[in-house]
Amino acid sequence: MENIQQPQMVPVSHLVQEEKVAFYKNTYTHVAGGVLAFIIAEFILLQSTALKSFYWNNE
C-alpha cells in the first residue's frame, strides 16, 4: 500500500503577501458567486407563475 501524504495546512497569517491576496480573491469570489446564484434563483422563483398562483390561492 502506498503512503499518501496530505498537503500540510498553513494558516493564512503565515503566508506571504501574494499568497494571501490569492487566497482572499478565491474566497470572496466563491462567496460572491454563491450570493449571486442565490439572488438569481430567488428572482426566478419569485417570477414563477406557478408560485404566484399558489401564493394567491392560499390567502
PDB file of N, CA and C in Angstrom:
ATOM      1  N   MET A   1       0.854  -1.178   0.000  1.00  0.00           N
ATOM      2  CA  MET A   1       0.000   0.000   0.000  1.00  0.00           C
ATOM      3  C   MET A   1       0.897   1.237   0.000  1.00  0.00           C
ATOM      4  N   GLU A   2       0.520   2.195  -0.814  1.00  0.00           N
ATOM      5  CA  GLU A   2       1.319   3.408  -0.909  1.00  0.00           C
ATOM      6  C   GLU A   2       1.033   4.355   0.246  1.00  0.00           C
ATOM      7  N   ASN A   3       2.067   5.076   0.617  1.00  0.00           N
ATOM      8  CA  ASN A   3       1.923   6.105   1.635  1.00  0.00           C
ATOM      9  C   ASN A   3       1.529   7.407   0.953  1.00  0.00           C
ATOM     10  N   ILE A   4       0.309   7.859   1.150  1.00  0.00           N
ATOM     11  CA  ILE A   4      -0.152   9.102   0.552  1.00  0.00           C
ATOM     12  C   ILE A   4      -0.077  10.188   1.608  1.00  0.00           C
ATOM     13  N   GLN A   5       0.687  11.231   1.299  1.00  0.00           N
ATOM     14  CA  GLN A   5       0.831  12.315   2.257  1.00  0.00           C
ATOM     15  C   GLN A   5      -0.140  13.439   1.919  1.00  0.00           C
ATOM     16  N   GLN A   6      -0.775  13.930   2.946  1.00  0.00           N
ATOM     17  CA  GLN A   6      -1.687  15.053   2.799  1.00  0.00           C
ATOM     18  C   GLN A   6      -0.878  16.348   2.718  1.00  0.00           C
ATOM     19  N   PRO A   7      -1.360  17.325   1.955  1.00  0.00           N
ATOM     20  CA  PRO A   7      -0.655  18.611   1.940  1.00  0.00           C
ATOM     21  C   PRO A   7      -0.709  19.251   3.323  1.00  0.00           C
ATOM     22  N   GLN A   8       0.367  19.884   3.692  1.00  0.00           N
ATOM     23  CA  GLN A   8       0.424  20.496   5.016  1.00  0.00           C
ATOM     24  C   GLN A   8      -0.375  21.785   5.004  1.00  0.00           C
ATOM     25  N   MET A   9      -1.202  21.949   6.023  1.00  0.00           N
ATOM     26  CA  MET A   9      -2.030  23.148   6.119  1.00  0.00           C
ATOM     27  C   MET A   9      -1.265  24.243   6.840  1.00  0.00           C
ATOM     28  N   VAL A  10      -1.339  25.441   6.296  1.00  0.00           N
ATOM     29  CA  VAL A  10      -0.639  26.590   6.862  1.00  0.00           C
ATOM     30  C   VAL A  10      -1.666  27.691   7.093  1.00  0.00           C
ATOM     31  N   PRO A  11      -1.665  28.316   8.263  1.00  0.00           N
ATOM     32  CA  PRO A  11      -2.595  29.426   8.496  1.00  0.00           C
ATOM     33  C   PRO A  11      -2.328  30.568   7.516  1.00  0.00           C
ATOM     34  N   VAL A  12      -3.383  31.265   7.145  1.00  0.00           N
ATOM     35  CA  VAL A  12      -3.245  32.369   6.201  1.00  0.00           C
ATOM     36  C   VAL A  12      -2.299  33.429   6.750  1.00  0.00           C
ATOM     37  N   SER A  13      -2.283  33.607   8.043  1.00  0.00           N
ATOM     38  CA  SER A  13      -1.425  34.639   8.638  1.00  0.00           C
ATOM     39  C   SER A  13       0.063  34.356   8.414  1.00  0.00           C
ATOM     40  N   HIS A  14       0.422  33.110   8.112  1.00  0.00           N
ATOM     41  CA  HIS A  14       1.823  32.762   7.880  1.00  0.00           C
ATOM     42  C   HIS A  14       2.221  32.789   6.404  1.00  0.00           C
ATOM     43  N   LEU A  15       1.289  33.107   5.525  1.00  0.00           N
ATOM     44  CA  LEU A  15       1.586  33.141   4.100  1.00  0.00           C
ATOM     45  C   LEU A  15       2.226  34.472   3.713  1.00  0.00           C
ATOM     46  N   VAL A  16       2.921  34.463   2.575  1.00  0.00           N
ATOM     47  CA  VAL A  16       3.468  35.724   2.065  1.00  0.00           C
ATOM     48  C   VAL A  16       2.327  36.522   1.450  1.00  0.00           C
ATOM     49  N   GLN A  17       2.555  37.804   1.210  1.00  0.00           N
ATOM     50  CA  GLN A  17       1.513  38.721   0.779  1.00  0.00           C
ATOM     51  C   GLN A  17       0.792  38.243  -0.501  1.00  0.00           C
ATOM     52  N   GLU A  18       1.537  37.767  -1.482  1.00  0.00           N
ATOM     53  CA  GLU A  18       0.922  37.336  -2.743  1.00  0.00           C
ATOM     54  C   GLU A  18      -0.009  36.147  -2.539  1.00  0.00           C
ATOM     55  N   GLU A  19       0.376  35.227  -1.656  1.00  0.00           N
ATOM     56  CA  GLU A  19      -0.463  34.066  -1.378  1.00  0.00           C
ATOM     57  C   GLU A  19      -1.717  34.473  -0.615  1.00  0.00           C
ATOM     58  N   LYS A  20      -1.596  35.458   0.275  1.00  0.00           N
ATOM     59  CA  LYS A  20      -2.763  35.957   0.997  1.00  0.00           C
ATOM     60  C   LYS A  20      -3.750  36.584   0.033  1.00  0.00           C
ATOM     61  N   VAL A  21      -3.241  37.390  -0.894  1.00  0.00           N
ATOM     62  CA  VAL A  21      -4.109  38.045  -1.870  1.00  0.00           C
ATOM     63  C   VAL A  21      -4.842  36.998  -2.706  1.00  0.00           C
ATOM     64  N   ALA A  22      -4.131  35.967  -3.152  1.00  0.00           N
ATOM     65  CA  ALA A  22      -4.751  34.913  -3.956  1.00  0.00           C
ATOM     66  C   ALA A  22      -5.814  34.173  -3.140  1.00  0.00           C
ATOM     67  N   PHE A  23      -5.515  33.897  -1.884  1.00  0.00           N
ATOM     68  CA  PHE A  23      -6.472  33.205  -1.016  1.00  0.00           C
ATOM     69  C   PHE A  23      -7.738  34.029  -0.845  1.00  0.00           C
ATOM     70  N   TYR A  24      -7.590  35.308  -0.527  1.00  0.00           N
ATOM     71  CA  TYR A  24      -8.760  36.163  -0.309  1.00  0.00           C
ATOM     72  C   TYR A  24      -9.552  36.358  -1.599  1.00  0.00           C
ATOM     73  N   LYS A  25      -8.873  36.481  -2.731  1.00  0.00           N
ATOM     74  CA  LYS A  25      -9.594  36.604  -4.004  1.00  0.00           C
ATOM     75  C   LYS A  25     -10.422  35.363  -4.274  1.00  0.00           C
ATOM     76  N   ASN A  26      -9.825  34.189  -4.094  1.00  0.00           N
ATOM     77  CA  ASN A  26     -10.567  32.936  -4.304  1.00  0.00           C
ATOM     78  C   ASN A  26     -11.751  32.829  -3.359  1.00  0.00           C
ATOM     79  N   THR A  27     -11.512  33.131  -2.093  1.00  0.00           N
ATOM     80  CA  THR A  27     -12.563  33.008  -1.088  1.00  0.00           C
ATOM     81  C   THR A  27     -13.735  33.916  -1.407  1.00  0.00           C
ATOM     82  N   TYR A  28     -13.462  35.194  -1.616  1.00  0.00           N
ATOM     83  CA  TYR A  28     -14.552  36.138  -1.825  1.00  0.00           C
ATOM     84  C   TYR A  28     -15.176  36.029  -3.204  1.00  0.00           C
ATOM     85  N   THR A  29     -14.449  35.491  -4.182  1.00  0.00           N
ATOM     86  CA  THR A  29     -15.059  35.213  -5.483  1.00  0.00           C
ATOM     87  C   THR A  29     -16.101  34.112  -5.327  1.00  0.00           C
ATOM     88  N   HIS A  30     -15.777  33.073  -4.552  1.00  0.00           N
ATOM     89  CA  HIS A  30     -16.737  31.998  -4.313  1.00  0.00           C
ATOM     90  C   HIS A  30     -17.940  32.502  -3.516  1.00  0.00           C
ATOM     91  N   VAL A  31     -17.713  33.342  -2.532  1.00  0.00           N
ATOM     92  CA  VAL A  31     -18.817  33.890  -1.747  1.00  0.00           C
ATOM     93  C   VAL A  31     -19.721  34.740  -2.640  1.00  0.00           C
ATOM     94  N   ALA A  32     -19.125  35.603  -3.459  1.00  0.00           N
ATOM     95  CA  ALA A  32     -19.908  36.459  -4.352  1.00  0.00           C
ATOM     96  C   ALA A  32     -20.685  35.617  -5.360  1.00  0.00           C
ATOM     97  N   GLY A  33     -20.078  34.557  -5.865  1.00  0.00           N
ATOM     98  CA  GLY A  33     -20.771  33.668  -6.798  1.00  0.00           C
ATOM     99  C   GLY A  33     -21.960  32.988  -6.150  1.00  0.00           C
ATOM    100  N   GLY A  34     -21.795  32.562  -4.908  1.00  0.00           N
ATOM    101  CA  GLY A  34     -22.894  31.929  -4.184  1.00  0.00           C
ATOM    102  C   GLY A  34     -24.037  32.887  -3.924  1.00  0.00           C
ATOM    103  N   VAL A  35     -23.708  34.114  -3.538  1.00  0.00           N
ATOM    104  CA  VAL A  35     -24.737  35.124  -3.291  1.00  0.00           C
ATOM    105  C   VAL A  35     -25.464  35.460  -4.592  1.00  0.00           C
ATOM    106  N   LEU A  36     -24.703  35.619  -5.673  1.00  0.00           N
ATOM    107  CA  LEU A  36     -25.308  35.916  -6.972  1.00  0.00           C
ATOM    108  C   LEU A  36     -26.213  34.774  -7.432  1.00  0.00           C
ATOM    109  N   ALA A  37     -25.777  33.541  -7.257  1.00  0.00           N
ATOM    110  CA  ALA A  37     -26.595  32.386  -7.633  1.00  0.00           C
ATOM    111  C   ALA A  37     -27.889  32.356  -6.814  1.00  0.00           C
ATOM    112  N   PHE A  38     -27.800  32.684  -5.540  1.00  0.00           N
ATOM    113  CA  PHE A  38     -28.984  32.724  -4.691  1.00  0.00           C
ATOM    114  C   PHE A  38     -29.950  33.805  -5.148  1.00  0.00           C
ATOM    115  N   ILE A  39     -29.434  34.992  -5.462  1.00  0.00           N
ATOM    116  CA  ILE A  39     -30.281  36.094  -5.911  1.00  0.00           C
ATOM    117  C   ILE A  39     -30.980  35.729  -7.221  1.00  0.00           C
ATOM    118  N   ILE A  40     -30.245  35.133  -8.150  1.00  0.00           N
ATOM    119  CA  ILE A  40     -30.844  34.734  -9.428  1.00  0.00           C
ATOM    120  C   ILE A  40     -31.914  33.670  -9.214  1.00  0.00           C
ATOM    121  N   ALA A  41     -31.628  32.689  -8.375  1.00  0.00           N
ATOM    122  CA  ALA A  41     -32.614  31.636  -8.103  1.00  0.00           C
ATOM    123  C   ALA A  41     -33.870  32.223  -7.459  1.00  0.00           C
ATOM    124  N   GLU A  42     -33.708  33.126  -6.514  1.00  0.00           N
ATOM    125  CA  GLU A  42     -34.859  33.760  -5.871  1.00  0.00           C
ATOM    126  C   GLU A  42     -35.649  34.589  -6.873  1.00  0.00           C
ATOM    127  N   PHE A  43     -34.959  35.316  -7.740  1.00  0.00           N
ATOM    128  CA  PHE A  43     -35.641  36.113  -8.753  1.00  0.00           C
ATOM    129  C   PHE A  43     -36.477  35.230  -9.655  1.00  0.00           C
ATOM    130  N   ILE A  44     -35.892  34.130 -10.107  1.00  0.00           N
ATOM    131  CA  ILE A  44     -36.617  33.210 -10.988  1.00  0.00           C
ATOM    132  C   ILE A  44     -37.821  32.620 -10.267  1.00  0.00           C
ATOM    133  N   LEU A  45     -37.635  32.209  -9.024  1.00  0.00           N
ATOM    134  CA  LEU A  45     -38.760  31.637  -8.275  1.00  0.00           C
ATOM    135  C   LEU A  45     -39.858  32.660  -8.019  1.00  0.00           C
ATOM    136  N   LEU A  46     -39.467  33.898  -7.708  1.00  0.00           N
ATOM    137  CA  LEU A  46     -40.469  34.920  -7.436  1.00  0.00           C
ATOM    138  C   LEU A  46     -41.204  35.358  -8.705  1.00  0.00           C
ATOM    139  N   GLN A  47     -40.609  35.155  -9.863  1.00  0.00           N
ATOM    140  CA  GLN A  47     -41.270  35.489 -11.125  1.00  0.00           C
ATOM    141  C   GLN A  47     -42.113  34.334 -11.651  1.00  0.00           C
ATOM    142  N   SER A  48     -42.017  33.181 -11.025  1.00  0.00           N
ATOM    143  CA  SER A  48     -42.729  31.984 -11.475  1.00  0.00           C
ATOM    144  C   SER A  48     -44.237  32.161 -11.321  1.00  0.00           C
ATOM    145  N   THR A  49     -44.969  31.871 -12.386  1.00  0.00           N
ATOM    146  CA  THR A  49     -46.428  31.987 -12.320  1.00  0.00           C
ATOM    147  C   THR A  49     -47.028  30.911 -11.420  1.00  0.00           C
ATOM    148  N   ALA A  50     -46.406  29.739 -11.377  1.00  0.00           N
ATOM    149  CA  ALA A  50     -46.904  28.666 -10.511  1.00  0.00           C
ATOM    150  C   ALA A  50     -46.809  29.090  -9.042  1.00  0.00           C
ATOM    151  N   LEU A  51     -45.710  29.727  -8.674  1.00  0.00           N
ATOM    152  CA  LEU A  51     -45.546  30.176  -7.295  1.00  0.00           C
ATOM    153  C   LEU A  51     -46.533  31.289  -6.978  1.00  0.00           C
ATOM    154  N   LYS A  52     -46.728  32.198  -7.912  1.00  0.00           N
ATOM    155  CA  LYS A  52     -47.678  33.287  -7.693  1.00  0.00           C
ATOM    156  C   LYS A  52     -49.096  32.754  -7.528  1.00  0.00           C
ATOM    157  N   SER A  53     -49.490  31.805  -8.387  1.00  0.00           N
ATOM    158  CA  SER A  53     -50.849  31.271  -8.275  1.00  0.00           C
ATOM    159  C   SER A  53     -51.015  30.469  -6.984  1.00  0.00           C
ATOM    160  N   PHE A  54     -49.987  29.765  -6.566  1.00  0.00           N
ATOM    161  CA  PHE A  54     -50.055  29.039  -5.297  1.00  0.00           C
ATOM    162  C   PHE A  54     -50.203  30.003  -4.120  1.00  0.00           C
ATOM    163  N   TYR A  55     -49.448  31.083  -4.152  1.00  0.00           N
ATOM    164  CA  TYR A  55     -49.493  32.056  -3.056  1.00  0.00           C
ATOM    165  C   TYR A  55     -50.843  32.742  -3.004  1.00  0.00           C
ATOM    166  N   TRP A  56     -51.351  33.196  -4.143  1.00  0.00           N
ATOM    167  CA  TRP A  56     -52.604  33.950  -4.155  1.00  0.00           C
ATOM    168  C   TRP A  56     -53.816  33.055  -3.866  1.00  0.00           C
ATOM    169  N   ASN A  57     -53.735  31.781  -4.191  1.00  0.00           N
ATOM    170  CA  ASN A  57     -54.872  30.870  -3.913  1.00  0.00           C
ATOM    171  C   ASN A  57     -54.946  30.476  -2.453  1.00  0.00           C
ATOM    172  N   ASN A  58     -53.856  30.640  -1.701  1.00  0.00           N
ATOM    173  CA  ASN A  58     -53.841  30.229  -0.299  1.00  0.00           C
ATOM    174  C   ASN A  58     -54.142  31.366   0.657  1.00  0.00           C
ATOM    175  N   GLU A  59     -54.392  32.548   0.164  1.00  0.00           N
ATOM    176  CA  GLU A  59     -54.709  33.658   1.068  1.00  0.00           C
ATOM    177  C   GLU A  59     -56.179  33.775   1.321  1.00  0.00           C
TER     178      GLU A  59
END
